Amino acid sequence: MKTMSSVQAQNNFGELLDTAQREPVTITRRGRTVAFLVSPQDMEDLTDARRKREQALADFEAFFSRADAKLSAEAKNLTDADIDRMVNELR
């Protein structure tokens, strides 16, 4: 990934745009990262990955919400000691 200062980015804007089509560009100001410039395809890929992650999280939460709703009152009242005892009985 190429890095350039905000002054370089301003003075060489055409070059900045050309470079961003090939690879992401980090733009810094006073030595600190202030922005990234990416191609439209890279941005689409990032947006798609974020959407997929959010959908996976929603599916995960929905699954455990449904599983929790199915727990019996007896199962909900189990203590850690009860669970340890049952696991040891199965060994």
N, C-alpha and C. Protein backbone atom coordinates (compact mmCIF):
# COMPACT_ATOMS: atom_id res chain seq x y z
N MET A 1 0.85 -1.17 0.00
CA MET A 1 0.00 0.00 0.00
C MET A 1 0.90 1.23 0.00
N LYS A 2 0.61 2.13 -0.88
CA LYS A 2 1.39 3.36 -1.00
C LYS A 2 0.89 4.37 0.03
N THR A 3 1.80 5.18 0.53
CA THR A 3 1.47 6.23 1.50
C THR A 3 1.95 7.56 0.96
N MET A 4 1.12 8.58 1.11
CA MET A 4 1.54 9.93 0.74
C MET A 4 0.91 10.94 1.69
N SER A 5 1.59 12.05 1.83
CA SER A 5 1.08 13.10 2.71
C SER A 5 -0.09 13.81 2.03
N SER A 6 -0.86 14.53 2.84
CA SER A 6 -1.99 15.26 2.27
C SER A 6 -1.52 16.32 1.28
N VAL A 7 -0.37 16.91 1.52
CA VAL A 7 0.18 17.92 0.59
C VAL A 7 0.55 17.25 -0.73
N GLN A 8 1.21 16.07 -0.66
CA GLN A 8 1.54 15.34 -1.89
C GLN A 8 0.27 14.96 -2.63
N ALA A 9 -0.76 14.54 -1.90
CA ALA A 9 -2.02 14.14 -2.52
C ALA A 9 -2.66 15.32 -3.26
N GLN A 10 -2.60 16.50 -2.65
CA GLN A 10 -3.16 17.69 -3.28
C GLN A 10 -2.37 18.07 -4.53
N ASN A 11 -1.06 18.03 -4.41
CA ASN A 11 -0.21 18.47 -5.52
C ASN A 11 -0.15 17.46 -6.67
N ASN A 12 -0.46 16.20 -6.39
CA ASN A 12 -0.37 15.15 -7.41
C ASN A 12 -1.69 14.37 -7.47
N PHE A 13 -2.79 15.09 -7.53
CA PHE A 13 -4.10 14.45 -7.44
C PHE A 13 -4.33 13.43 -8.55
N GLY A 14 -3.93 13.73 -9.75
CA GLY A 14 -4.10 12.79 -10.87
C GLY A 14 -3.35 11.50 -10.62
N GLU A 15 -2.11 11.63 -10.16
CA GLU A 15 -1.30 10.45 -9.84
C GLU A 15 -1.95 9.65 -8.70
N LEU A 16 -2.48 10.37 -7.72
CA LEU A 16 -3.17 9.72 -6.59
C LEU A 16 -4.33 8.87 -7.09
N LEU A 17 -5.14 9.44 -7.99
CA LEU A 17 -6.28 8.69 -8.53
C LEU A 17 -5.83 7.47 -9.33
N ASP A 18 -4.77 7.63 -10.12
CA ASP A 18 -4.25 6.50 -10.90
C ASP A 18 -3.73 5.40 -9.99
N THR A 19 -3.00 5.78 -8.96
CA THR A 19 -2.44 4.80 -8.03
C THR A 19 -3.56 4.05 -7.30
N ALA A 20 -4.60 4.76 -6.92
CA ALA A 20 -5.71 4.14 -6.17
C ALA A 20 -6.44 3.09 -7.01
N GLN A 21 -6.33 3.18 -8.32
CA GLN A 21 -6.96 2.16 -9.17
C GLN A 21 -6.20 0.84 -9.10
N ARG A 22 -4.92 0.90 -8.73
CA ARG A 22 -4.08 -0.30 -8.67
C ARG A 22 -3.94 -0.84 -7.25
N GLU A 23 -3.93 0.06 -6.26
CA GLU A 23 -3.74 -0.35 -4.87
C GLU A 23 -4.29 0.75 -3.95
N PRO A 24 -4.70 0.38 -2.74
CA PRO A 24 -5.15 1.41 -1.80
C PRO A 24 -4.01 2.38 -1.47
N VAL A 25 -4.38 3.62 -1.21
CA VAL A 25 -3.39 4.64 -0.86
C VAL A 25 -3.74 5.20 0.52
N THR A 26 -2.75 5.24 1.39
CA THR A 26 -2.90 5.85 2.71
C THR A 26 -2.49 7.31 2.60
N ILE A 27 -3.34 8.20 3.11
CA ILE A 27 -3.03 9.63 3.11
C ILE A 27 -2.79 10.05 4.55
N THR A 28 -1.66 10.71 4.77
CA THR A 28 -1.30 11.12 6.12
C THR A 28 -1.25 12.65 6.23
N ARG A 29 -1.41 13.10 7.44
CA ARG A 29 -1.24 14.52 7.75
C ARG A 29 -0.45 14.58 9.06
N ARG A 30 0.66 15.25 9.02
CA ARG A 30 1.55 15.35 10.19
C ARG A 30 1.93 13.97 10.73
N GLY A 31 2.12 13.03 9.81
CA GLY A 31 2.57 11.70 10.19
C GLY A 31 1.48 10.74 10.65
N ARG A 32 0.24 11.20 10.71
CA ARG A 32 -0.87 10.35 11.16
C ARG A 32 -1.79 10.04 9.99
N THR A 33 -2.27 8.80 9.92
CA THR A 33 -3.19 8.41 8.85
C THR A 33 -4.51 9.17 9.03
N VAL A 34 -4.96 9.82 7.95
CA VAL A 34 -6.22 10.56 8.00
C VAL A 34 -7.25 10.02 7.01
N ALA A 35 -6.78 9.26 6.02
CA ALA A 35 -7.73 8.74 5.02
C ALA A 35 -7.08 7.61 4.22
N PHE A 36 -7.96 6.84 3.59
CA PHE A 36 -7.54 5.83 2.63
C PHE A 36 -8.30 6.11 1.34
N LEU A 37 -7.64 5.95 0.23
CA LEU A 37 -8.31 6.09 -1.06
C LEU A 37 -8.23 4.73 -1.73
N VAL A 38 -9.41 4.20 -2.09
CA VAL A 38 -9.48 2.88 -2.71
C VAL A 38 -10.27 2.97 -4.01
N SER A 39 -10.07 1.97 -4.86
CA SER A 39 -10.79 1.93 -6.13
C SER A 39 -12.26 1.59 -5.87
N PRO A 40 -13.13 1.88 -6.83
CA PRO A 40 -14.54 1.52 -6.67
C PRO A 40 -14.73 0.01 -6.44
N GLN A 41 -13.92 -0.82 -7.11
CA GLN A 41 -14.04 -2.27 -6.92
C GLN A 41 -13.65 -2.68 -5.50
N ASP A 42 -12.55 -2.09 -4.98
CA ASP A 42 -12.15 -2.39 -3.61
C ASP A 42 -13.22 -1.95 -2.62
N MET A 43 -13.82 -0.79 -2.87
CA MET A 43 -14.87 -0.29 -1.98
C MET A 43 -16.08 -1.21 -2.02
N GLU A 44 -16.44 -1.68 -3.21
CA GLU A 44 -17.56 -2.62 -3.34
C GLU A 44 -17.26 -3.91 -2.59
N ASP A 45 -16.04 -4.41 -2.70
CA ASP A 45 -15.64 -5.63 -1.99
C ASP A 45 -15.72 -5.43 -0.47
N LEU A 46 -15.24 -4.28 0.00
CA LEU A 46 -15.30 -3.99 1.44
C LEU A 46 -16.74 -3.88 1.93
N THR A 47 -17.58 -3.21 1.15
CA THR A 47 -18.99 -3.06 1.52
C THR A 47 -19.69 -4.42 1.53
N ASP A 48 -19.38 -5.26 0.55
CA ASP A 48 -19.97 -6.60 0.49
C ASP A 48 -19.53 -7.44 1.67
N ALA A 49 -18.25 -7.36 2.04
CA ALA A 49 -17.76 -8.12 3.19
C ALA A 49 -18.43 -7.65 4.48
N ARG A 50 -18.62 -6.35 4.62
CA ARG A 50 -19.30 -5.82 5.81
C ARG A 50 -20.75 -6.30 5.87
N ARG A 51 -21.42 -6.30 4.71
CA ARG A 51 -22.81 -6.76 4.67
C ARG A 51 -22.90 -8.23 5.05
N LYS A 52 -21.99 -9.05 4.53
CA LYS A 52 -21.98 -10.48 4.85
C LYS A 52 -21.70 -10.71 6.33
N ARG A 53 -20.77 -9.94 6.89
CA ARG A 53 -20.46 -10.07 8.33
C ARG A 53 -21.67 -9.71 9.17
N GLU A 54 -22.35 -8.62 8.82
CA GLU A 54 -23.53 -8.21 9.58
C GLU A 54 -24.64 -9.24 9.48
N GLN A 55 -24.82 -9.85 8.29
CA GLN A 55 -25.84 -10.89 8.12
C GLN A 55 -25.49 -12.14 8.93
N ALA A 56 -24.21 -12.51 8.94
CA ALA A 56 -23.78 -13.68 9.72
C ALA A 56 -24.02 -13.44 11.21
N LEU A 57 -23.73 -12.23 11.68
CA LEU A 57 -23.97 -11.91 13.09
C LEU A 57 -25.46 -11.95 13.41
N ALA A 58 -26.28 -11.41 12.53
CA ALA A 58 -27.73 -11.45 12.75
C ALA A 58 -28.24 -12.89 12.77
N ASP A 59 -27.75 -13.73 11.86
CA ASP A 59 -28.14 -15.14 11.84
C ASP A 59 -27.71 -15.85 13.12
N PHE A 60 -26.49 -15.56 13.57
CA PHE A 60 -25.96 -16.15 14.80
C PHE A 60 -26.82 -15.78 16.00
N GLU A 61 -27.14 -14.49 16.12
CA GLU A 61 -27.97 -14.02 17.24
C GLU A 61 -29.37 -14.61 17.17
N ALA A 62 -29.94 -14.72 15.97
CA ALA A 62 -31.28 -15.29 15.82
C ALA A 62 -31.28 -16.76 16.22
N PHE A 63 -30.23 -17.50 15.84
CA PHE A 63 -30.14 -18.91 16.19
C PHE A 63 -30.13 -19.09 17.71
N PHE A 64 -29.28 -18.33 18.40
CA PHE A 64 -29.20 -18.48 19.84
C PHE A 64 -30.43 -17.94 20.55
N SER A 65 -31.09 -16.98 19.96
CA SER A 65 -32.35 -16.50 20.53
C SER A 65 -33.41 -17.59 20.45
N ARG A 66 -33.48 -18.28 19.30
CA ARG A 66 -34.44 -19.39 19.16
C ARG A 66 -34.08 -20.54 20.09
N ALA A 67 -32.79 -20.84 20.20
CA ALA A 67 -32.35 -21.93 21.08
C ALA A 67 -32.67 -21.60 22.53
N ASP A 68 -32.47 -20.36 22.92
CA ASP A 68 -32.76 -19.95 24.30
C ASP A 68 -34.25 -20.05 24.59
N ALA A 69 -35.07 -19.72 23.61
CA ALA A 69 -36.52 -19.78 23.81
C ALA A 69 -36.99 -21.22 23.99
N LYS A 70 -36.26 -22.18 23.43
CA LYS A 70 -36.65 -23.58 23.51
C LYS A 70 -36.20 -24.26 24.81
N LEU A 71 -35.33 -23.60 25.56
CA LEU A 71 -34.86 -24.20 26.81
C LEU A 71 -36.02 -24.37 27.78
N SER A 72 -36.05 -25.51 28.42
CA SER A 72 -37.09 -25.74 29.41
C SER A 72 -36.77 -24.97 30.68
N ALA A 73 -37.75 -24.82 31.53
CA ALA A 73 -37.54 -24.12 32.80
C ALA A 73 -36.51 -24.87 33.64
N GLU A 74 -36.54 -26.20 33.56
CA GLU A 74 -35.58 -27.00 34.31
C GLU A 74 -34.16 -26.73 33.85
N ALA A 75 -33.96 -26.67 32.53
CA ALA A 75 -32.63 -26.41 31.99
C ALA A 75 -32.14 -25.01 32.34
N LYS A 76 -33.04 -24.06 32.37
CA LYS A 76 -32.65 -22.68 32.69
C LYS A 76 -32.19 -22.54 34.13
N ASN A 77 -32.64 -23.45 35.00
CA ASN A 77 -32.31 -23.36 36.41
C ASN A 77 -31.08 -24.17 36.80
N LEU A 78 -30.42 -24.82 35.83
CA LEU A 78 -29.23 -25.59 36.14
C LEU A 78 -28.09 -24.67 36.59
N THR A 79 -27.37 -25.12 37.59
CA THR A 79 -26.20 -24.37 38.06
C THR A 79 -24.96 -24.96 37.41
N ASP A 80 -23.85 -24.27 37.55
CA ASP A 80 -22.58 -24.79 37.03
C ASP A 80 -22.26 -26.13 37.69
N ALA A 81 -22.55 -26.25 38.99
CA ALA A 81 -22.29 -27.50 39.70
C ALA A 81 -23.13 -28.63 39.13
N ASP A 82 -24.40 -28.35 38.79
CA ASP A 82 -25.26 -29.37 38.18
C ASP A 82 -24.68 -29.84 36.85
N ILE A 83 -24.22 -28.91 36.05
CA ILE A 83 -23.67 -29.25 34.73
C ILE A 83 -22.39 -30.07 34.89
N ASP A 84 -21.51 -29.65 35.82
CA ASP A 84 -20.29 -30.41 36.08
C ASP A 84 -20.62 -31.84 36.51
N ARG A 85 -21.60 -31.99 37.39
CA ARG A 85 -22.00 -33.31 37.88
C ARG A 85 -22.49 -34.17 36.72
N MET A 86 -23.32 -33.62 35.83
CA MET A 86 -23.86 -34.40 34.72
C MET A 86 -22.75 -34.80 33.74
N VAL A 87 -21.82 -33.90 33.48
CA VAL A 87 -20.71 -34.21 32.58
C VAL A 87 -19.87 -35.34 33.16
N ASN A 88 -19.59 -35.26 34.46
CA ASN A 88 -18.78 -36.30 35.11
C ASN A 88 -19.51 -37.64 35.15
N GLU A 89 -20.81 -37.61 35.23
CA GLU A 89 -21.59 -38.87 35.23
C GLU A 89 -21.48 -39.56 33.87
N LEU A 90 -21.31 -38.79 32.80
CA LEU A 90 -21.25 -39.35 31.45
C LEU A 90 -19.88 -39.93 31.13
N ARG A 91 -18.88 -39.64 31.94
CA ARG A 91 -17.52 -40.13 31.67
C ARG A 91 -17.35 -41.54 32.08
